[in-house]
C-alpha atoms as a PDB file:
ATOM      1  CA  MET A   1       3.362   9.596  -6.061  1.00  0.00           C
ATOM      2  CA  ALA A   2       4.067  13.142  -4.955  1.00  0.00           C
ATOM      3  CA  GLU A   3       1.613  13.009  -2.065  1.00  0.00           C
ATOM      4  CA  ALA A   4      -0.467  10.393  -0.292  1.00  0.00           C
ATOM      5  CA  GLY A   5      -4.198  10.337  -0.800  1.00  0.00           C
ATOM      6  CA  ILE A   6      -6.766   9.516  -3.432  1.00  0.00           C
ATOM      7  CA  GLN A   7      -5.274   9.360  -6.925  1.00  0.00           C
ATOM      8  CA  GLU A   8      -7.599   9.418  -9.931  1.00  0.00           C
ATOM      9  CA  THR A   9      -5.462  10.599 -12.819  1.00  0.00           C
ATOM     10  CA  ALA A  10      -3.932   9.383 -16.059  1.00  0.00           C
ATOM     11  CA  PRO A  11      -0.363  10.219 -17.118  1.00  0.00           C
ATOM     12  CA  LEU A  12       0.583  11.919 -20.381  1.00  0.00           C
ATOM     13  CA  VAL A  13       3.753  10.808 -22.131  1.00  0.00           C
ATOM     14  CA  HIS A  14       5.478  12.865 -24.813  1.00  0.00           C
ATOM     15  CA  ASP A  15       9.022  12.714 -26.168  1.00  0.00           C
ATOM     16  CA  GLY A  16      10.278  10.492 -23.347  1.00  0.00           C
ATOM     17  CA  VAL A  17       8.738  12.602 -20.570  1.00  0.00           C
ATOM     18  CA  MET A  18       5.837  11.492 -18.391  1.00  0.00           C
ATOM     19  CA  PHE A  19       3.682  14.352 -17.102  1.00  0.00           C
ATOM     20  CA  LEU A  20       1.654  13.399 -14.067  1.00  0.00           C
ATOM     21  CA  GLN A  21      -0.932  15.363 -12.089  1.00  0.00           C
ATOM     22  CA  THR A  22      -1.826  14.157  -8.620  1.00  0.00           C
ATOM     23  CA  ASN A  23      -4.146  15.303  -5.859  1.00  0.00           C
ATOM     24  CA  ASN A  24      -3.722  18.781  -4.344  1.00  0.00           C
ATOM     25  CA  ASN A  25      -2.765  20.136  -7.775  1.00  0.00           C
ATOM     26  CA  ILE A  26       0.757  18.802  -7.960  1.00  0.00           C
ATOM     27  CA  VAL A  27       2.253  18.298 -11.416  1.00  0.00           C
ATOM     28  CA  GLU A  28       5.455  16.372 -12.058  1.00  0.00           C
ATOM     29  CA  ALA A  29       7.579  15.716 -15.117  1.00  0.00           C
ATOM     30  CA  LEU A  30       9.385  12.380 -14.938  1.00  0.00           C
ATOM     31  CA  ASP A  31      11.854  10.600 -17.142  1.00  0.00           C
ATOM     32  CA  ALA A  32       9.552   8.001 -18.686  1.00  0.00           C
ATOM     33  CA  LYS A  33      12.294   5.338 -18.763  1.00  0.00           C
ATOM     34  CA  THR A  34      13.785   5.746 -15.310  1.00  0.00           C
ATOM     35  CA  GLY A  35      11.124   7.572 -13.304  1.00  0.00           C
ATOM     36  CA  ASP A  36      13.632  10.242 -12.289  1.00  0.00           C
ATOM     37  CA  LEU A  37      12.073  13.588 -11.400  1.00  0.00           C
ATOM     38  CA  ILE A  38      12.731  16.373 -13.928  1.00  0.00           C
ATOM     39  CA  TRP A  39      10.613  19.035 -12.236  1.00  0.00           C
ATOM     40  CA  GLN A  40       7.718  19.420  -9.835  1.00  0.00           C
ATOM     41  CA  TYR A  41       5.054  22.130  -9.582  1.00  0.00           C
ATOM     42  CA  ARG A  42       3.010  22.516  -6.401  1.00  0.00           C
ATOM     43  CA  HIS A  43       0.051  24.838  -6.689  1.00  0.00           C
ATOM     44  CA  VAL A  44      -0.392  26.981  -3.589  1.00  0.00           C
ATOM     45  CA  LEU A  45      -3.980  26.544  -2.486  1.00  0.00           C
ATOM     46  CA  PRO A  46      -5.649  29.124  -0.227  1.00  0.00           C
ATOM     47  CA  GLN A  47      -5.962  28.422   3.470  1.00  0.00           C
ATOM     48  CA  LEU A  48      -9.587  27.431   3.820  1.00  0.00           C
ATOM     49  CA  PRO A  49     -11.427  27.363   7.143  1.00  0.00           C
ATOM     50  CA  THR A  50     -11.659  23.856   8.567  1.00  0.00           C
ATOM     51  CA  SER A  51     -15.443  24.212   8.445  1.00  0.00           C
ATOM     52  CA  TRP A  52     -15.203  24.273   4.621  1.00  0.00           C
ATOM     53  CA  SER A  53     -14.885  20.512   4.507  1.00  0.00           C
ATOM     54  CA  TYR A  54     -16.536  20.301   1.076  1.00  0.00           C
ATOM     55  CA  GLN A  55     -13.937  22.518  -0.605  1.00  0.00           C
ATOM     56  CA  ILE A  56     -11.024  20.947   1.272  1.00  0.00           C
ATOM     57  CA  ASN A  57     -12.168  17.505   0.180  1.00  0.00           C
ATOM     58  CA  ARG A  58     -12.255  18.706  -3.440  1.00  0.00           C
ATOM     59  CA  ALA A  59      -8.502  19.244  -3.415  1.00  0.00           C
ATOM     60  CA  ARG A  60      -7.849  15.922  -1.688  1.00  0.00           C
ATOM     61  CA  ARG A  61      -9.857  13.927  -4.211  1.00  0.00           C
ATOM     62  CA  GLN A  62      -8.975  15.956  -7.292  1.00  0.00           C
ATOM     63  CA  LYS A  63     -10.015  13.914 -10.322  1.00  0.00           C
ATOM     64  CA  ASN A  64      -8.630  16.094 -13.009  1.00  0.00           C
ATOM     65  CA  SER A  65      -6.072  15.385 -15.656  1.00  0.00           C
ATOM     66  CA  ILE A  66      -3.752  17.787 -17.428  1.00  0.00           C
ATOM     67  CA  ALA A  67      -3.402  18.745 -21.067  1.00  0.00           C
ATOM     68  CA  LEU A  68      -0.383  19.264 -23.304  1.00  0.00           C
ATOM     69  CA  TYR A  69      -0.489  22.032 -25.884  1.00  0.00           C
ATOM     70  CA  ARG A  70       2.695  22.670 -27.868  1.00  0.00           C
ATOM     71  CA  ASP A  71       5.324  23.506 -25.219  1.00  0.00           C
ATOM     72  CA  LYS A  72       2.845  24.019 -22.385  1.00  0.00           C
ATOM     73  CA  VAL A  73       1.203  21.907 -19.671  1.00  0.00           C
ATOM     74  CA  ILE A  74      -2.265  23.112 -18.719  1.00  0.00           C
ATOM     75  CA  LEU A  75      -3.749  22.467 -15.291  1.00  0.00           C
ATOM     76  CA  THR A  76      -7.095  23.276 -13.651  1.00  0.00           C
ATOM     77  CA  THR A  77      -7.066  23.738  -9.884  1.00  0.00           C
ATOM     78  CA  ALA A  78      -9.207  23.193  -6.820  1.00  0.00           C
ATOM     79  CA  ASP A  79      -9.385  26.974  -6.293  1.00  0.00           C
ATOM     80  CA  ALA A  80     -10.971  27.464  -9.743  1.00  0.00           C
ATOM     81  CA  LYS A  81      -7.891  28.584 -11.663  1.00  0.00           C
ATOM     82  CA  ILE A  82      -6.355  27.657 -15.000  1.00  0.00           C
ATOM     83  CA  VAL A  83      -2.566  27.432 -14.722  1.00  0.00           C
ATOM     84  CA  VAL A  84      -0.316  27.160 -17.774  1.00  0.00           C
ATOM     85  CA  LEU A  85       3.171  25.742 -17.151  1.00  0.00           C
ATOM     86  CA  ASN A  86       6.252  25.578 -19.343  1.00  0.00           C
ATOM     87  CA  ALA A  87       6.666  21.917 -20.230  1.00  0.00           C
ATOM     88  CA  ALA A  88      10.463  22.227 -20.134  1.00  0.00           C
ATOM     89  CA  ASP A  89      10.862  23.464 -16.564  1.00  0.00           C
ATOM     90  CA  GLY A  90       7.427  23.619 -14.896  1.00  0.00           C
ATOM     91  CA  LYS A  91       7.504  27.370 -14.352  1.00  0.00           C
ATOM     92  CA  VAL A  92       4.210  29.281 -14.493  1.00  0.00           C
ATOM     93  CA  ALA A  93       3.643  30.966 -17.850  1.00  0.00           C
ATOM     94  CA  GLN A  94       0.093  32.101 -17.187  1.00  0.00           C
ATOM     95  CA  GLU A  95      -2.525  31.946 -14.440  1.00  0.00           C
ATOM     96  CA  LYS A  96      -6.223  32.774 -14.644  1.00  0.00           C
ATOM     97  CA  GLN A  97      -8.795  32.985 -11.855  1.00  0.00           C
ATOM     98  CA  VAL A  98     -11.875  31.704 -13.682  1.00  0.00           C
ATOM     99  CA  ILE A  99     -14.562  32.034 -10.998  1.00  0.00           C
ATOM    100  CA  ASP A 100     -14.723  32.756  -7.273  1.00  0.00           C
ATOM    101  CA  TYR A 101     -13.658  29.723  -5.227  1.00  0.00           C
ATOM    102  CA  ASN A 102     -14.992  31.447  -2.082  1.00  0.00           C
ATOM    103  CA  LEU A 103     -18.498  30.669  -3.320  1.00  0.00           C
ATOM    104  CA  GLY A 104     -17.654  26.969  -3.465  1.00  0.00           C
ATOM    105  CA  TYR A 105     -16.645  26.566  -7.112  1.00  0.00           C
ATOM    106  CA  SER A 106     -13.721  24.294  -7.933  1.00  0.00           C
ATOM    107  CA  TYR A 107     -12.238  22.301 -10.775  1.00  0.00           C
ATOM    108  CA  THR A 108     -12.252  18.523 -10.446  1.00  0.00           C
ATOM    109  CA  VAL A 109     -11.810  17.752 -14.147  1.00  0.00           C
ATOM    110  CA  GLY A 110      -9.036  18.586 -16.517  1.00  0.00           C
ATOM    111  CA  PRO A 111      -8.955  20.914 -19.503  1.00  0.00           C
ATOM    112  CA  LEU A 112      -9.801  20.042 -23.088  1.00  0.00           C
ATOM    113  CA  ILE A 113      -7.821  21.854 -25.792  1.00  0.00           C
ATOM    114  CA  ALA A 114      -9.899  22.548 -28.899  1.00  0.00           C
ATOM    115  CA  ASP A 115      -9.225  24.895 -31.785  1.00  0.00           C
ATOM    116  CA  GLY A 116      -6.962  27.224 -29.801  1.00  0.00           C
ATOM    117  CA  LYS A 117      -9.248  27.225 -26.776  1.00  0.00           C
ATOM    118  CA  ILE A 118      -9.064  25.793 -23.287  1.00  0.00           C
ATOM    119  CA  ILE A 119     -12.473  24.226 -22.666  1.00  0.00           C
ATOM    120  CA  THR A 120     -13.181  23.571 -18.996  1.00  0.00           C
ATOM    121  CA  ALA A 121     -16.166  22.840 -16.768  1.00  0.00           C
ATOM    122  CA  ILE A 122     -16.565  23.887 -13.164  1.00  0.00           C
ATOM    123  CA  SER A 123     -17.688  21.775 -10.208  1.00  0.00           C
ATOM    124  CA  GLY A 124     -19.015  22.593  -6.757  1.00  0.00           C
ATOM    125  CA  CYS A 125     -22.504  23.481  -7.962  1.00  0.00           C
ATOM    126  CA  SER A 126     -24.352  21.803  -5.102  1.00  0.00           C
ATOM    127  CA  ILE A 127     -23.752  24.143  -2.161  1.00  0.00           C
ATOM    128  CA  ALA A 128     -25.368  27.400  -1.100  1.00  0.00           C
ATOM    129  CA  GLY A 129     -22.993  29.870  -2.758  1.00  0.00           C
ATOM    130  CA  THR A 130     -23.178  28.327  -6.202  1.00  0.00           C
ATOM    131  CA  ALA A 131     -26.953  28.401  -6.669  1.00  0.00           C
ATOM    132  CA  GLY A 132     -28.093  29.205 -10.191  1.00  0.00           C
ATOM    133  CA  GLY A 133     -24.818  28.631 -11.962  1.00  0.00           C
ATOM    134  CA  CYS A 134     -22.771  25.728 -13.204  1.00  0.00           C
ATOM    135  CA  TYR A 135     -20.691  26.482 -16.254  1.00  0.00           C
ATOM    136  CA  ILE A 136     -18.726  25.239 -19.220  1.00  0.00           C
ATOM    137  CA  PHE A 137     -16.080  27.797 -20.221  1.00  0.00           C
ATOM    138  CA  ALA A 138     -13.794  28.563 -23.150  1.00  0.00           C
ATOM    139  CA  HIS A 139     -10.586  30.570 -22.687  1.00  0.00           C
ATOM    140  CA  ASP A 140      -8.026  31.650 -25.247  1.00  0.00           C
ATOM    141  CA  VAL A 141      -5.094  29.268 -24.944  1.00  0.00           C
ATOM    142  CA  ASN A 142      -2.531  32.038 -25.487  1.00  0.00           C
ATOM    143  CA  THR A 143      -3.974  34.916 -23.432  1.00  0.00           C
ATOM    144  CA  GLY A 144      -6.282  33.243 -20.922  1.00  0.00           C
ATOM    145  CA  ASP A 145      -9.123  35.587 -21.875  1.00  0.00           C
ATOM    146  CA  GLU A 146     -12.613  34.168 -21.441  1.00  0.00           C
ATOM    147  CA  LEU A 147     -14.297  33.656 -24.814  1.00  0.00           C
ATOM    148  CA  TRP A 148     -17.638  32.236 -23.734  1.00  0.00           C
ATOM    149  CA  ARG A 149     -19.441  30.464 -20.932  1.00  0.00           C
ATOM    150  CA  PHE A 150     -22.506  28.210 -20.965  1.00  0.00           C
ATOM    151  CA  ASN A 151     -24.784  28.000 -17.930  1.00  0.00           C
ATOM    152  CA  THR A 152     -26.175  24.486 -17.583  1.00  0.00           C
ATOM    153  CA  ILE A 153     -29.132  25.379 -15.330  1.00  0.00           C
ATOM    154  CA  ASP A 154     -29.966  29.068 -15.710  1.00  0.00           C
ATOM    155  CA  ASP A 155     -29.761  30.882 -19.023  1.00  0.00           C
ATOM    156  CA  PRO A 156     -32.311  33.716 -18.813  1.00  0.00           C
ATOM    157  CA  ASN A 157     -32.420  33.911 -22.613  1.00  0.00           C
ATOM    158  CA  ASN A 158     -33.354  30.252 -22.987  1.00  0.00           C
ATOM    159  CA  ARG A 159     -37.111  30.050 -22.553  1.00  0.00           C
ATOM    160  CA  ALA A 160     -37.295  26.261 -22.873  1.00  0.00           C
ATOM    161  CA  GLN A 161     -34.762  25.847 -20.091  1.00  0.00           C
ATOM    162  CA  GLN A 162     -36.514  28.346 -17.836  1.00  0.00           C
ATOM    163  CA  ASP A 163     -39.916  26.734 -18.365  1.00  0.00           C
ATOM    164  CA  SER A 164     -38.513  23.277 -17.648  1.00  0.00           C
ATOM    165  CA  TRP A 165     -37.767  24.277 -14.022  1.00  0.00           C
ATOM    166  CA  GLY A 166     -41.449  24.938 -13.361  1.00  0.00           C
ATOM    167  CA  GLY A 167     -40.972  28.421 -12.004  1.00  0.00           C
ATOM    168  CA  VAL A 168     -38.130  27.555  -9.603  1.00  0.00           C
ATOM    169  CA  PRO A 169     -36.001  30.730  -9.365  1.00  0.00           C
ATOM    170  CA  ALA A 170     -32.285  30.630 -10.074  1.00  0.00           C
ATOM    171  CA  GLU A 171     -31.402  31.060  -6.401  1.00  0.00           C
ATOM    172  CA  ASN A 172     -33.127  27.740  -5.667  1.00  0.00           C
ATOM    173  CA  ARG A 173     -31.474  25.733  -8.445  1.00  0.00           C
ATOM    174  CA  TRP A 174     -28.432  23.559  -7.919  1.00  0.00           C
ATOM    175  CA  GLY A 175     -26.581  20.818  -9.746  1.00  0.00           C
ATOM    176  CA  GLY A 176     -26.115  20.459 -13.469  1.00  0.00           C
ATOM    177  CA  THR A 177     -22.410  19.835 -12.911  1.00  0.00           C
ATOM    178  CA  PRO A 178     -20.279  18.740 -15.888  1.00  0.00           C
ATOM    179  CA  TRP A 179     -17.704  16.978 -13.686  1.00  0.00           C
ATOM    180  CA  THR A 180     -16.089  14.721 -16.289  1.00  0.00           C
ATOM    181  CA  THR A 181     -13.980  16.118 -19.132  1.00  0.00           C
ATOM    182  CA  GLY A 182     -15.823  16.367 -22.438  1.00  0.00           C
ATOM    183  CA  ALA A 183     -14.891  15.489 -26.005  1.00  0.00           C
ATOM    184  CA  TYR A 184     -14.199  17.467 -29.181  1.00  0.00           C
ATOM    185  CA  ASP A 185     -14.947  16.814 -32.842  1.00  0.00           C
ATOM    186  CA  PRO A 186     -12.684  19.040 -34.989  1.00  0.00           C
ATOM    187  CA  GLU A 187     -14.621  18.232 -38.171  1.00  0.00           C
ATOM    188  CA  THR A 188     -17.842  19.796 -36.911  1.00  0.00           C
ATOM    189  CA  LYS A 189     -16.153  22.072 -34.338  1.00  0.00           C
ATOM    190  CA  THR A 190     -18.412  20.675 -31.642  1.00  0.00           C
ATOM    191  CA  THR A 191     -17.589  19.924 -28.017  1.00  0.00           C
ATOM    192  CA  PHE A 192     -19.678  17.342 -26.150  1.00  0.00           C
ATOM    193  CA  TRP A 193     -20.240  17.334 -22.397  1.00  0.00           C
ATOM    194  CA  GLY A 194     -22.172  15.154 -20.018  1.00  0.00           C
ATOM    195  CA  ILE A 195     -24.140  16.947 -17.311  1.00  0.00           C
ATOM    196  CA  GLY A 196     -24.885  15.656 -13.824  1.00  0.00           C
ATOM    197  CA  MET A 197     -28.026  15.574 -11.745  1.00  0.00           C
ATOM    198  CA  HIS A 198     -29.903  18.484 -10.223  1.00  0.00           C
ATOM    199  CA  GLY A 199     -30.561  19.570  -6.692  1.00  0.00           C
ATOM    200  CA  PRO A 200     -32.600  19.143  -4.661  1.00  0.00           C
ATOM    201  CA  TYR A 201     -32.938  15.553  -5.840  1.00  0.00           C
ATOM    202  CA  SER A 202     -36.664  15.091  -5.325  1.00  0.00           C
ATOM    203  CA  GLU A 203     -38.996  17.155  -7.483  1.00  0.00           C
ATOM    204  CA  LEU A 204     -41.389  17.444  -4.533  1.00  0.00           C
ATOM    205  CA  ILE A 205     -38.707  19.370  -2.652  1.00  0.00           C
ATOM    206  CA  ARG A 206     -37.408  21.071  -5.778  1.00  0.00           C
ATOM    207  CA  GLY A 207     -40.828  22.476  -6.638  1.00  0.00           C
ATOM    208  CA  SER A 208     -40.335  21.943 -10.366  1.00  0.00           C
ATOM    209  CA  GLY A 209     -43.560  19.982 -10.868  1.00  0.00           C
ATOM    210  CA  ASP A 210     -43.484  17.864 -13.993  1.00  0.00           C
ATOM    211  CA  GLY A 211     -40.724  19.975 -15.583  1.00  0.00           C
ATOM    212  CA  SER A 212     -37.751  18.170 -17.087  1.00  0.00           C
ATOM    213  CA  VAL A 213     -35.193  20.538 -15.408  1.00  0.00           C
ATOM    214  CA  LEU A 214     -32.889  21.228 -18.342  1.00  0.00           C
ATOM    215  CA  TYR A 215     -30.028  20.559 -18.817  1.00  0.00           C
ATOM    216  CA  THR A 216     -29.464  18.120 -15.977  1.00  0.00           C
ATOM    217  CA  ASN A 217     -28.705  14.467 -16.824  1.00  0.00           C
ATOM    218  CA  SER A 218     -28.051  15.453 -20.429  1.00  0.00           C
ATOM    219  CA  THR A 219     -25.522  15.338 -23.230  1.00  0.00           C
ATOM    220  CA  LEU A 220     -24.809  18.814 -24.608  1.00  0.00           C
ATOM    221  CA  ALA A 221     -23.321  19.553 -28.029  1.00  0.00           C
ATOM    222  CA  LEU A 222     -21.864  23.072 -28.031  1.00  0.00           C
ATOM    223  CA  ASP A 223     -20.380  25.112 -30.869  1.00  0.00           C
ATOM    224  CA  VAL A 224     -16.729  25.461 -29.887  1.00  0.00           C
ATOM    225  CA  GLU A 225     -16.478  28.911 -31.467  1.00  0.00           C
ATOM    226  CA  THR A 226     -19.423  30.534 -29.699  1.00  0.00           C
ATOM    227  CA  GLY A 227     -20.555  28.205 -26.912  1.00  0.00           C
ATOM    228  CA  THR A 228     -24.078  28.120 -28.328  1.00  0.00           C
ATOM    229  CA  LEU A 229     -26.095  24.949 -27.946  1.00  0.00           C
ATOM    230  CA  LYS A 230     -26.335  22.873 -31.135  1.00  0.00           C
ATOM    231  CA  TRP A 231     -28.424  20.102 -29.637  1.00  0.00           C
ATOM    232  CA  TYR A 232     -28.989  18.185 -26.442  1.00  0.00           C
ATOM    233  CA  TYR A 233     -30.318  14.829 -25.333  1.00  0.00           C
ATOM    234  CA  GLN A 234     -31.708  14.474 -21.825  1.00  0.00           C
ATOM    235  CA  HIS A 235     -31.145  10.934 -20.596  1.00  0.00           C
ATOM    236  CA  LEU A 236     -33.354  11.177 -17.528  1.00  0.00           C
ATOM    237  CA  PRO A 237     -35.851  14.045 -17.250  1.00  0.00           C
ATOM    238  CA  ARG A 238     -37.368  14.629 -13.792  1.00  0.00           C
ATOM    239  CA  ASP A 239     -34.727  12.560 -12.023  1.00  0.00           C
ATOM    240  CA  ASN A 240     -35.867  11.732  -8.478  1.00  0.00           C
ATOM    241  CA  TRP A 241     -33.070   9.295  -7.617  1.00  0.00           C
ATOM    242  CA  ASP A 242     -29.831  11.338  -7.684  1.00  0.00           C
ATOM    243  CA  LEU A 243     -28.660   9.598 -10.829  1.00  0.00           C
ATOM    244  CA  ASP A 244     -25.861  11.109 -12.890  1.00  0.00           C
ATOM    245  CA  SER A 245     -24.958  11.408 -16.575  1.00  0.00           C
ATOM    246  CA  PRO A 246     -21.684  13.349 -16.711  1.00  0.00           C
ATOM    247  CA  PHE A 247     -19.360  10.594 -17.832  1.00  0.00           C
ATOM    248  CA  GLU A 248     -17.038  10.506 -20.841  1.00  0.00           C
ATOM    249  CA  ARG A 249     -18.577  11.113 -24.244  1.00  0.00           C
ATOM    250  CA  ILE A 250     -16.681   8.780 -26.572  1.00  0.00           C
ATOM    251  CA  LEU A 251     -16.786   9.807 -30.233  1.00  0.00           C
ATOM    252  CA  VAL A 252     -16.712   7.057 -32.854  1.00  0.00           C
ATOM    253  CA  ASP A 253     -16.680   7.024 -36.635  1.00  0.00           C
ATOM    254  CA  ARG A 254     -19.069   4.613 -38.284  1.00  0.00           C
ATOM    255  CA  LYS A 255     -20.127   3.881 -41.807  1.00  0.00           C
ATOM    256  CA  SER A 256     -23.744   4.415 -42.624  1.00  0.00           C
ATOM    257  CA  THR A 257     -25.714   1.216 -43.205  1.00  0.00           C
ATOM    258  CA  ALA A 258     -28.656   3.029 -44.780  1.00  0.00           C
ATOM    259  CA  ARG A 259     -29.637   1.775 -48.225  1.00  0.00           C
ATOM    260  CA  ARG A 260     -31.288   3.838 -50.903  1.00  0.00           C
ATOM    261  CA  THR A 261     -34.659   2.536 -52.007  1.00  0.00           C
ATOM    262  CA  SER A 262     -36.791   3.557 -54.959  1.00  0.00           C
ATOM    263  CA  CYS A 263     -40.545   3.582 -55.359  1.00  0.00           C
END
């Protein structure tokens, strides 16, 4: 591997080339038969103070994967950027600062390409600077322009969500991190994401009473064109145990077994 450390990635193979993303945002293209290096990209991460152990650890244990779209390799980074590389030579074609990494935001999951959009979800939503906001984003795959964002814990226009926090203000809400890459159904143009737990963990400390604290520990179905919520299912309302529900949403096709009956 390009660098020692924790490796939690899956390779992509296309046309005899293996594309591999490792920790610290390194991407390599290898000859899939021989393993010979074709090119290597090393993302330059900012020099963080040693006291920022949380952010530094994010880069070291980067979980994310990469995506292939036509002749491009798309990478999300520990300093909250989307980087688009030329698949042929690894040179940067486009770079987008999505959100301020100085607040504690980072990417630990890879991008999902859906209907001409780069769908991503940010992590780092459990420290002081990221209170009140954990997001799923859509960016134009060609320009990098942001098309929409969905806040998993504080949408002021969503009354049901606001009520579910029992009056806890946005500056005292944490969590709701979608830290595993979602899924996409092109037939319904819906993207599905799993959302993690909230913070603080205990509702006694949180102050949310008997509120369900939407949309933590939930599956979200979002319209890929607009980012609006189609539906949700909350797996564990009022979680008091630091449980998590962000894992892969696997889409399956099944035949209906319903039978028509007559009266």
